[in-house]
Amino acid sequence: MALRDIALTVLELEPNEFHWVLMEPVQAESEECLGYRPIDSSTQGLPDYSEALIQGASALRVLQGLAPFGKPVNPVGLGENCGSTDDEESSGEGPDSCMFTTTDHPAL
């Protein structure tokens, strides 16, 4: 897996409505500033900062091709085929993700 600089932040867009945002660095106009652009964010606000941070970290794991926290990489239930995966997880997008499109960086 290629390493990629990604930052996670939590923003309170409305009172008691917290959103996680994954960002990657971009070329800044000055060496004194760091520039970032969003690559993914939550679509629904959460009432708690720490819950938004945990869900953002879980989204980061999915972006890296890892399983979200608390879930196996390929969940298999009784009587299920080992080769089957959930479409949502295999696409790399969770139910609370808006996955920004980037054009000048290769996707993971």
N, C-alpha and C. Protein backbone atom coordinates (compact mmCIF):
# COMPACT_ATOMS: atom_id res chain seq x y z
N MET A 1 0.84 -1.17 0.00
CA MET A 1 0.00 0.00 0.00
C MET A 1 0.89 1.24 0.00
N ALA A 2 0.63 2.17 -0.88
CA ALA A 2 1.37 3.42 -0.93
C ALA A 2 0.93 4.32 0.21
N LEU A 3 1.90 4.94 0.87
CA LEU A 3 1.58 5.86 1.96
C LEU A 3 1.07 7.17 1.37
N ARG A 4 0.13 7.75 2.06
CA ARG A 4 -0.50 8.98 1.60
C ARG A 4 -0.75 9.87 2.81
N ASP A 5 -0.36 11.13 2.76
CA ASP A 5 -0.61 12.05 3.86
C ASP A 5 -2.08 12.41 3.88
N ILE A 6 -2.75 12.08 4.98
CA ILE A 6 -4.16 12.41 5.14
C ILE A 6 -4.36 12.93 6.56
N ALA A 7 -5.09 14.02 6.68
CA ALA A 7 -5.40 14.60 7.98
C ALA A 7 -6.88 14.37 8.28
N LEU A 8 -7.18 14.20 9.55
CA LEU A 8 -8.56 14.05 10.02
C LEU A 8 -8.86 15.20 10.96
N THR A 9 -9.97 15.86 10.74
CA THR A 9 -10.40 16.91 11.64
C THR A 9 -11.89 16.78 11.90
N VAL A 10 -12.35 17.42 12.95
CA VAL A 10 -13.78 17.45 13.29
C VAL A 10 -14.19 18.90 13.37
N LEU A 11 -15.27 19.23 12.68
CA LEU A 11 -15.80 20.59 12.66
C LEU A 11 -17.19 20.63 13.27
N GLU A 12 -17.47 21.68 14.04
CA GLU A 12 -18.82 21.89 14.57
C GLU A 12 -19.49 22.92 13.68
N LEU A 13 -20.26 22.44 12.69
CA LEU A 13 -20.88 23.34 11.70
C LEU A 13 -22.09 24.08 12.24
N GLU A 14 -22.80 23.45 13.13
CA GLU A 14 -23.93 24.05 13.85
C GLU A 14 -23.73 23.68 15.32
N PRO A 15 -24.37 24.38 16.24
CA PRO A 15 -24.22 24.00 17.65
C PRO A 15 -24.59 22.52 17.86
N ASN A 16 -23.68 21.78 18.49
CA ASN A 16 -23.86 20.34 18.78
C ASN A 16 -24.08 19.49 17.53
N GLU A 17 -23.47 19.88 16.41
CA GLU A 17 -23.53 19.10 15.18
C GLU A 17 -22.11 19.00 14.62
N PHE A 18 -21.47 17.87 14.92
CA PHE A 18 -20.07 17.67 14.58
C PHE A 18 -19.93 16.80 13.33
N HIS A 19 -19.02 17.19 12.44
CA HIS A 19 -18.75 16.45 11.20
C HIS A 19 -17.27 16.14 11.13
N TRP A 20 -16.93 14.92 10.70
CA TRP A 20 -15.53 14.57 10.45
C TRP A 20 -15.21 14.91 9.00
N VAL A 21 -13.95 15.27 8.76
CA VAL A 21 -13.47 15.61 7.42
C VAL A 21 -12.07 15.01 7.25
N LEU A 22 -11.87 14.26 6.17
CA LEU A 22 -10.55 13.76 5.80
C LEU A 22 -10.00 14.69 4.73
N MET A 23 -8.74 15.10 4.89
CA MET A 23 -8.13 16.05 3.96
C MET A 23 -6.73 15.59 3.57
N GLU A 24 -6.29 16.02 2.40
CA GLU A 24 -4.92 15.76 1.99
C GLU A 24 -4.24 17.09 1.69
N PRO A 25 -2.93 17.15 1.91
CA PRO A 25 -2.22 18.42 1.69
C PRO A 25 -2.12 18.76 0.21
N VAL A 26 -2.13 20.04 -0.06
CA VAL A 26 -1.93 20.57 -1.41
C VAL A 26 -0.82 21.61 -1.34
N GLN A 27 -0.29 21.97 -2.48
CA GLN A 27 0.78 22.97 -2.53
C GLN A 27 0.25 24.30 -2.01
N ALA A 28 0.90 24.83 -1.00
CA ALA A 28 0.50 26.11 -0.41
C ALA A 28 1.26 27.24 -1.07
N GLU A 29 0.71 28.43 -0.98
CA GLU A 29 1.36 29.60 -1.56
C GLU A 29 2.60 30.00 -0.79
N SER A 30 2.68 29.58 0.47
CA SER A 30 3.80 29.94 1.32
C SER A 30 4.24 28.73 2.12
N GLU A 31 5.52 28.68 2.48
CA GLU A 31 6.01 27.60 3.31
C GLU A 31 5.55 27.74 4.75
N GLU A 32 5.02 28.92 5.11
CA GLU A 32 4.55 29.16 6.46
C GLU A 32 3.14 28.63 6.69
N CYS A 33 2.46 28.23 5.63
CA CYS A 33 1.08 27.75 5.74
C CYS A 33 0.98 26.33 5.20
N LEU A 34 0.08 25.58 5.76
CA LEU A 34 -0.24 24.26 5.24
C LEU A 34 -1.59 24.36 4.55
N GLY A 35 -1.67 23.87 3.33
CA GLY A 35 -2.93 23.88 2.60
C GLY A 35 -3.48 22.46 2.49
N TYR A 36 -4.77 22.32 2.69
CA TYR A 36 -5.43 21.02 2.60
C TYR A 36 -6.69 21.14 1.76
N ARG A 37 -7.07 20.03 1.16
CA ARG A 37 -8.36 19.98 0.47
C ARG A 37 -9.10 18.74 0.97
N PRO A 38 -10.42 18.85 1.09
CA PRO A 38 -11.20 17.70 1.58
C PRO A 38 -11.24 16.58 0.55
N ILE A 39 -11.16 15.34 1.04
CA ILE A 39 -11.30 14.19 0.15
C ILE A 39 -12.49 13.33 0.56
N ASP A 40 -12.97 13.51 1.80
CA ASP A 40 -14.16 12.78 2.27
C ASP A 40 -14.66 13.47 3.52
N SER A 41 -15.95 13.38 3.78
CA SER A 41 -16.52 13.95 5.00
C SER A 41 -17.84 13.26 5.32
N SER A 42 -18.27 13.46 6.55
CA SER A 42 -19.55 12.88 6.97
C SER A 42 -20.69 13.65 6.31
N THR A 43 -21.79 12.96 6.11
CA THR A 43 -22.96 13.59 5.52
C THR A 43 -23.98 13.97 6.58
N GLN A 44 -23.84 13.39 7.76
CA GLN A 44 -24.76 13.68 8.86
C GLN A 44 -23.97 14.15 10.07
N GLY A 45 -24.48 15.17 10.74
CA GLY A 45 -23.83 15.67 11.94
C GLY A 45 -24.04 14.72 13.11
N LEU A 46 -23.08 14.72 14.01
CA LEU A 46 -23.16 13.90 15.22
C LEU A 46 -23.21 14.83 16.43
N PRO A 47 -23.90 14.43 17.50
CA PRO A 47 -24.04 15.32 18.65
C PRO A 47 -22.80 15.38 19.54
N ASP A 48 -21.78 14.56 19.26
CA ASP A 48 -20.63 14.47 20.14
C ASP A 48 -19.33 14.54 19.33
N TYR A 49 -18.39 15.37 19.76
CA TYR A 49 -17.12 15.53 19.08
C TYR A 49 -16.37 14.21 19.00
N SER A 50 -16.29 13.50 20.11
CA SER A 50 -15.50 12.27 20.12
C SER A 50 -16.10 11.19 19.22
N GLU A 51 -17.41 11.13 19.11
CA GLU A 51 -18.04 10.16 18.21
C GLU A 51 -17.71 10.50 16.75
N ALA A 52 -17.71 11.78 16.42
CA ALA A 52 -17.33 12.20 15.06
C ALA A 52 -15.87 11.85 14.79
N LEU A 53 -15.01 12.01 15.78
CA LEU A 53 -13.60 11.68 15.62
C LEU A 53 -13.41 10.18 15.39
N ILE A 54 -14.13 9.36 16.15
CA ILE A 54 -14.05 7.90 15.99
C ILE A 54 -14.57 7.48 14.62
N GLN A 55 -15.69 8.04 14.19
CA GLN A 55 -16.23 7.68 12.88
C GLN A 55 -15.31 8.16 11.75
N GLY A 56 -14.66 9.30 11.93
CA GLY A 56 -13.70 9.78 10.94
C GLY A 56 -12.49 8.87 10.85
N ALA A 57 -12.01 8.39 11.99
CA ALA A 57 -10.88 7.45 12.00
C ALA A 57 -11.28 6.14 11.34
N SER A 58 -12.51 5.72 11.54
CA SER A 58 -13.00 4.50 10.89
C SER A 58 -13.08 4.70 9.37
N ALA A 59 -13.52 5.88 8.93
CA ALA A 59 -13.56 6.19 7.49
C ALA A 59 -12.15 6.21 6.90
N LEU A 60 -11.18 6.68 7.69
CA LEU A 60 -9.80 6.67 7.24
C LEU A 60 -9.30 5.25 7.03
N ARG A 61 -9.68 4.33 7.93
CA ARG A 61 -9.31 2.93 7.77
C ARG A 61 -9.90 2.35 6.48
N VAL A 62 -11.14 2.67 6.19
CA VAL A 62 -11.79 2.20 4.96
C VAL A 62 -11.05 2.75 3.73
N LEU A 63 -10.68 4.03 3.79
CA LEU A 63 -9.95 4.65 2.68
C LEU A 63 -8.61 3.96 2.44
N GLN A 64 -8.02 3.43 3.50
CA GLN A 64 -6.74 2.72 3.40
C GLN A 64 -6.92 1.26 3.00
N GLY A 65 -8.16 0.83 2.81
CA GLY A 65 -8.41 -0.55 2.44
C GLY A 65 -8.50 -1.48 3.64
N LEU A 66 -8.63 -0.92 4.83
CA LEU A 66 -8.77 -1.72 6.04
C LEU A 66 -10.23 -1.75 6.46
N ALA A 67 -10.56 -2.66 7.36
CA ALA A 67 -11.92 -2.76 7.87
C ALA A 67 -12.18 -1.61 8.84
N PRO A 68 -13.42 -1.11 8.89
CA PRO A 68 -13.76 -0.11 9.91
C PRO A 68 -13.55 -0.71 11.30
N PHE A 69 -13.40 0.12 12.30
CA PHE A 69 -13.21 -0.36 13.67
C PHE A 69 -14.33 -1.31 14.07
N GLY A 70 -13.96 -2.41 14.69
CA GLY A 70 -14.94 -3.35 15.21
C GLY A 70 -15.56 -4.29 14.20
N LYS A 71 -15.10 -4.24 12.94
CA LYS A 71 -15.67 -5.12 11.91
C LYS A 71 -14.54 -5.88 11.23
N PRO A 72 -14.73 -7.18 10.98
CA PRO A 72 -13.70 -7.92 10.26
C PRO A 72 -13.62 -7.46 8.80
N VAL A 73 -12.48 -7.72 8.18
CA VAL A 73 -12.27 -7.29 6.79
C VAL A 73 -13.32 -7.91 5.88
N ASN A 74 -13.54 -9.21 5.98
CA ASN A 74 -14.53 -9.90 5.17
C ASN A 74 -15.49 -10.64 6.09
N PRO A 75 -16.55 -9.96 6.56
CA PRO A 75 -17.47 -10.63 7.47
C PRO A 75 -18.18 -11.80 6.80
N VAL A 76 -18.22 -12.93 7.48
CA VAL A 76 -18.88 -14.12 6.96
C VAL A 76 -19.81 -14.64 8.04
N GLY A 77 -21.09 -14.77 7.72
CA GLY A 77 -22.06 -15.32 8.66
C GLY A 77 -22.31 -16.78 8.37
N LEU A 78 -23.10 -17.40 9.19
CA LEU A 78 -23.45 -18.80 8.98
C LEU A 78 -24.15 -18.99 7.65
N GLY A 79 -23.67 -19.93 6.85
CA GLY A 79 -24.31 -20.24 5.58
C GLY A 79 -24.01 -19.27 4.46
N GLU A 80 -23.13 -18.27 4.72
CA GLU A 80 -22.80 -17.32 3.66
C GLU A 80 -21.56 -17.78 2.91
N ASN A 81 -21.46 -17.36 1.68
CA ASN A 81 -20.31 -17.66 0.85
C ASN A 81 -19.14 -16.78 1.28
N CYS A 82 -17.96 -17.34 1.43
CA CYS A 82 -16.79 -16.59 1.86
C CYS A 82 -16.41 -15.51 0.86
N GLY A 83 -16.77 -15.63 -0.39
CA GLY A 83 -16.40 -14.65 -1.40
C GLY A 83 -17.32 -13.46 -1.45
N SER A 84 -18.44 -13.49 -0.75
CA SER A 84 -19.38 -12.39 -0.84
C SER A 84 -19.00 -11.30 0.14
N THR A 85 -19.13 -10.04 -0.32
CA THR A 85 -18.89 -8.89 0.55
C THR A 85 -20.02 -7.92 0.36
N ASP A 86 -20.18 -7.06 1.32
CA ASP A 86 -21.20 -6.03 1.26
C ASP A 86 -20.79 -4.99 0.23
N ASP A 87 -21.68 -4.61 -0.69
CA ASP A 87 -21.36 -3.66 -1.75
C ASP A 87 -20.85 -2.33 -1.19
N GLU A 88 -21.45 -1.87 -0.10
CA GLU A 88 -21.08 -0.61 0.47
C GLU A 88 -19.64 -0.63 0.97
N GLU A 89 -19.24 -1.71 1.65
CA GLU A 89 -17.89 -1.80 2.16
C GLU A 89 -16.89 -2.05 1.06
N SER A 90 -17.23 -2.84 0.06
CA SER A 90 -16.28 -3.15 -0.99
C SER A 90 -16.04 -1.94 -1.90
N SER A 91 -16.96 -1.00 -1.94
CA SER A 91 -16.77 0.19 -2.77
C SER A 91 -15.87 1.20 -2.08
N GLY A 92 -15.62 1.01 -0.76
CA GLY A 92 -14.78 1.95 -0.04
C GLY A 92 -15.54 3.11 0.52
N GLU A 93 -16.84 3.16 0.31
CA GLU A 93 -17.64 4.24 0.83
C GLU A 93 -18.60 3.71 1.88
N GLY A 94 -18.65 4.39 3.00
CA GLY A 94 -19.57 4.00 4.05
C GLY A 94 -20.90 4.71 3.88
N PRO A 95 -21.85 4.40 4.74
CA PRO A 95 -23.16 5.03 4.63
C PRO A 95 -23.13 6.51 4.96
N ASP A 96 -22.09 6.97 5.67
CA ASP A 96 -22.01 8.37 6.07
C ASP A 96 -20.79 9.03 5.45
N SER A 97 -20.63 8.86 4.15
CA SER A 97 -19.46 9.37 3.45
C SER A 97 -19.91 10.05 2.17
N CYS A 98 -19.26 11.17 1.83
CA CYS A 98 -19.64 11.82 0.57
C CYS A 98 -18.52 11.76 -0.46
N MET A 99 -17.38 11.16 -0.15
CA MET A 99 -16.25 10.92 -1.05
C MET A 99 -16.10 11.98 -2.14
N PHE A 100 -15.31 12.99 -1.89
CA PHE A 100 -15.03 14.04 -2.87
C PHE A 100 -14.24 13.44 -4.02
N THR A 101 -14.45 13.93 -5.20
CA THR A 101 -13.71 13.48 -6.37
C THR A 101 -12.47 14.34 -6.53
N THR A 102 -11.33 13.70 -6.70
CA THR A 102 -10.10 14.44 -6.96
C THR A 102 -9.59 14.07 -8.34
N THR A 103 -9.06 15.05 -9.05
CA THR A 103 -8.64 14.80 -10.40
C THR A 103 -7.13 14.78 -10.59
N ASP A 104 -6.39 15.44 -9.69
CA ASP A 104 -4.94 15.50 -9.89
C ASP A 104 -4.15 14.54 -9.01
N HIS A 105 -4.83 13.68 -8.26
CA HIS A 105 -4.16 12.68 -7.46
C HIS A 105 -4.79 11.32 -7.74
N PRO A 106 -3.98 10.29 -7.86
CA PRO A 106 -4.55 8.95 -8.09
C PRO A 106 -5.32 8.48 -6.88
N ALA A 107 -6.38 7.76 -7.13
CA ALA A 107 -7.18 7.22 -6.04
C ALA A 107 -6.45 6.05 -5.42
N LEU A 108 -6.81 5.75 -4.19
CA LEU A 108 -6.20 4.59 -3.52
C LEU A 108 -6.64 3.33 -4.16
